[in-house]
Protein backbone atom coordinates (compact mmCIF):
# COMPACT_ATOMS: atom_id res chain seq x y z
CA MET A 1 116.66 89.08 146.85
CA THR A 2 115.42 92.66 146.81
CA GLU A 3 119.04 93.80 146.57
CA ALA A 4 119.44 91.78 143.39
CA PHE A 5 116.30 93.32 141.93
CA ALA A 6 117.48 96.82 142.87
CA ALA A 7 120.85 96.09 141.26
CA LEU A 8 119.11 94.93 138.10
CA GLU A 9 117.04 98.12 138.00
CA ALA A 10 120.23 100.17 138.41
CA THR A 11 121.97 98.67 135.37
CA ALA A 12 122.72 100.92 132.43
CA LEU A 13 120.38 98.90 130.24
CA ALA A 14 117.44 99.24 132.64
CA GLN A 15 118.13 102.95 133.03
CA HIS A 16 118.25 103.37 129.26
CA LEU A 17 114.93 101.56 128.89
CA LYS A 18 113.38 103.87 131.48
CA ALA A 19 114.78 107.07 129.97
CA ALA A 20 114.73 106.53 126.20
CA ARG A 21 111.68 107.81 124.38
CA TRP A 22 111.39 104.92 121.93
CA THR A 23 113.27 101.96 123.36
CA TYR A 24 110.81 100.90 126.04
CA PRO A 25 107.75 101.13 123.75
CA LEU A 26 109.59 99.16 121.06
CA VAL A 27 110.60 96.46 123.53
CA ASN A 28 107.02 96.37 124.83
CA ALA A 29 105.76 96.00 121.25
CA GLY A 30 108.29 93.20 120.73
CA HIS A 31 106.92 91.44 123.80
CA VAL A 32 103.36 91.70 122.47
CA ALA A 33 104.42 90.58 118.98
CA GLY A 34 106.21 87.58 120.47
CA LEU A 35 103.12 86.65 122.47
CA ALA A 36 100.95 86.97 119.37
CA LEU A 37 103.29 84.75 117.38
CA LEU A 38 103.53 82.21 120.19
CA VAL A 39 99.83 81.95 120.97
CA GLY A 40 98.91 82.36 117.31
CA ALA A 41 100.84 79.18 116.58
CA ILE A 42 99.91 77.24 119.70
CA VAL A 43 96.15 77.62 119.39
CA PRO A 44 95.80 76.11 115.90
CA MET A 45 98.29 73.36 116.76
CA ASN A 46 96.24 72.30 119.74
CA LEU A 47 92.85 72.75 118.09
CA ARG A 48 94.00 70.51 115.25
CA ARG A 49 95.45 67.96 117.66
CA LEU A 50 92.13 67.81 119.49
CA GLY A 51 90.30 67.38 116.22
CA TRP A 52 88.24 70.50 116.77
CA VAL A 53 89.21 71.94 113.38
CA PRO A 54 89.65 70.06 110.12
CA GLY A 55 92.89 70.08 108.22
CA PRO A 56 95.97 68.11 107.33
CA ASP A 57 97.53 65.51 109.56
CA PRO A 58 98.04 67.00 113.05
CA ALA A 59 101.74 66.09 112.94
CA ALA A 60 102.12 68.18 109.77
CA VAL A 61 100.36 71.14 111.38
CA VAL A 62 102.54 70.91 114.48
CA GLY A 63 105.68 70.50 112.38
CA PHE A 64 104.83 73.61 110.39
CA LEU A 65 103.78 75.83 113.32
CA ARG A 66 106.27 74.76 116.00
CA PRO A 67 109.13 77.00 114.69
CA PHE A 68 106.78 80.00 114.82
CA ALA A 69 105.80 79.16 118.39
CA VAL A 70 109.45 78.83 119.40
CA ALA A 71 110.36 82.12 117.70
CA GLY A 72 107.46 83.82 119.46
CA LEU A 73 108.54 82.40 122.81
CA VAL A 74 112.13 83.57 122.33
CA LEU A 75 110.99 87.08 121.32
CA ALA A 76 108.43 87.35 124.15
CA ALA A 77 110.84 86.04 126.79
CA GLY A 78 113.72 88.22 125.66
CA CYS A 79 111.62 91.38 125.55
CA GLY A 80 109.86 90.39 128.78
CA ALA A 81 113.18 90.08 130.58
CA LEU A 82 114.10 93.59 129.43
CA LEU A 83 110.77 94.95 130.64
CA PHE A 84 111.23 93.16 133.97
CA ALA A 85 114.63 94.81 134.44
CA THR A 86 113.08 98.28 134.52
CA GLN A 87 110.94 97.56 137.60
CA ALA A 88 112.19 94.24 138.91
CA SER A 89 111.34 94.96 142.55
CA ASP A 90 107.80 96.02 141.75
CA TYR A 91 107.17 93.10 139.42
CA ALA A 92 108.61 90.56 141.86
CA ALA A 93 106.22 91.81 144.55
CA ASN A 94 103.20 91.80 142.23
CA GLY A 95 100.85 88.86 142.75
CA TRP A 96 99.68 88.88 139.12
CA PHE A 97 103.28 88.77 137.92
CA ARG A 98 104.08 85.87 140.21
CA LEU A 99 100.97 84.05 138.98
CA LYS A 100 102.00 84.73 135.37
CA ILE A 101 105.45 83.27 135.95
CA ALA A 102 104.02 80.20 137.71
CA LEU A 103 101.52 79.59 134.89
CA LEU A 104 104.27 80.18 132.33
CA ALA A 105 106.46 77.58 134.04
CA VAL A 106 103.65 75.01 133.94
CA ALA A 107 102.90 75.85 130.29
CA LEU A 108 106.57 75.45 129.36
CA VAL A 109 106.85 72.12 131.19
CA ASN A 110 103.73 70.95 129.36
CA ALA A 111 105.23 72.06 126.03
CA ALA A 112 108.62 70.50 126.80
CA ARG A 113 106.98 67.15 127.46
CA HIS A 114 105.89 67.13 123.83
CA LEU A 115 108.97 68.47 122.02
CA GLY A 116 109.86 65.15 120.49
CA GLY A 117 106.43 64.28 119.19
CA MET A 118 102.78 65.02 119.21
CA PRO A 119 101.18 66.16 122.45
CA SER A 120 98.51 64.04 124.05
CA ARG A 121 94.95 65.26 123.86
CA ARG A 122 95.22 66.11 127.56
CA GLY A 123 98.42 68.08 126.93
CA ALA A 124 96.80 69.94 124.05
CA ALA A 125 93.76 70.82 126.17
CA LEU A 126 96.00 71.92 129.03
CA SER A 127 97.98 74.10 126.64
CA LEU A 128 94.78 75.73 125.38
CA ALA A 129 93.89 76.57 128.98
CA LEU A 130 97.31 77.66 130.20
CA TRP A 131 98.47 80.09 127.53
CA PRO A 132 95.39 82.34 127.70
CA LEU A 133 95.76 82.34 131.49
CA VAL A 134 99.39 83.43 131.09
CA LEU A 135 98.20 86.28 128.85
CA LEU A 136 95.39 87.27 131.20
CA SER A 137 97.57 87.33 134.29
CA GLY A 138 100.20 89.30 132.41
CA ARG A 139 97.61 91.84 131.33
CA MET A 140 96.35 92.16 134.89
CA ILE A 141 99.78 93.30 136.05
CA GLY A 142 99.04 96.71 134.57
CA TYR A 143 95.85 97.02 136.61
CA SER A 144 97.30 96.14 140.00
């Protein structure tokens, strides 16, 4: 597996991201913007579903915010994959990164369970716990 990570790091795209003055910071900013859009949509959806904030019918709130959450996820995942390519071996060995990916997988499974309709209260509460943990573990990667 380490050979695959080394091969990924050796690609022209990964090398460009490492060497270019502006590309890596722009991709990093795209990752952060995607996370902001994703979590910025998920939190009010779940708070409304739980009845912790007043507002229109929870289904209307979810229907309005879901496309923003999906767009944020696509942006964050795409930019995150590019960032991963620059140091794939290091990230793969990092415990915080592995925790982030595991939490992300659980959060995505939880979200996928509710694509067709409204999430359960338990699913909404789980979402409110998981996404901040994904963010926290991702942030901790830089400190390890």
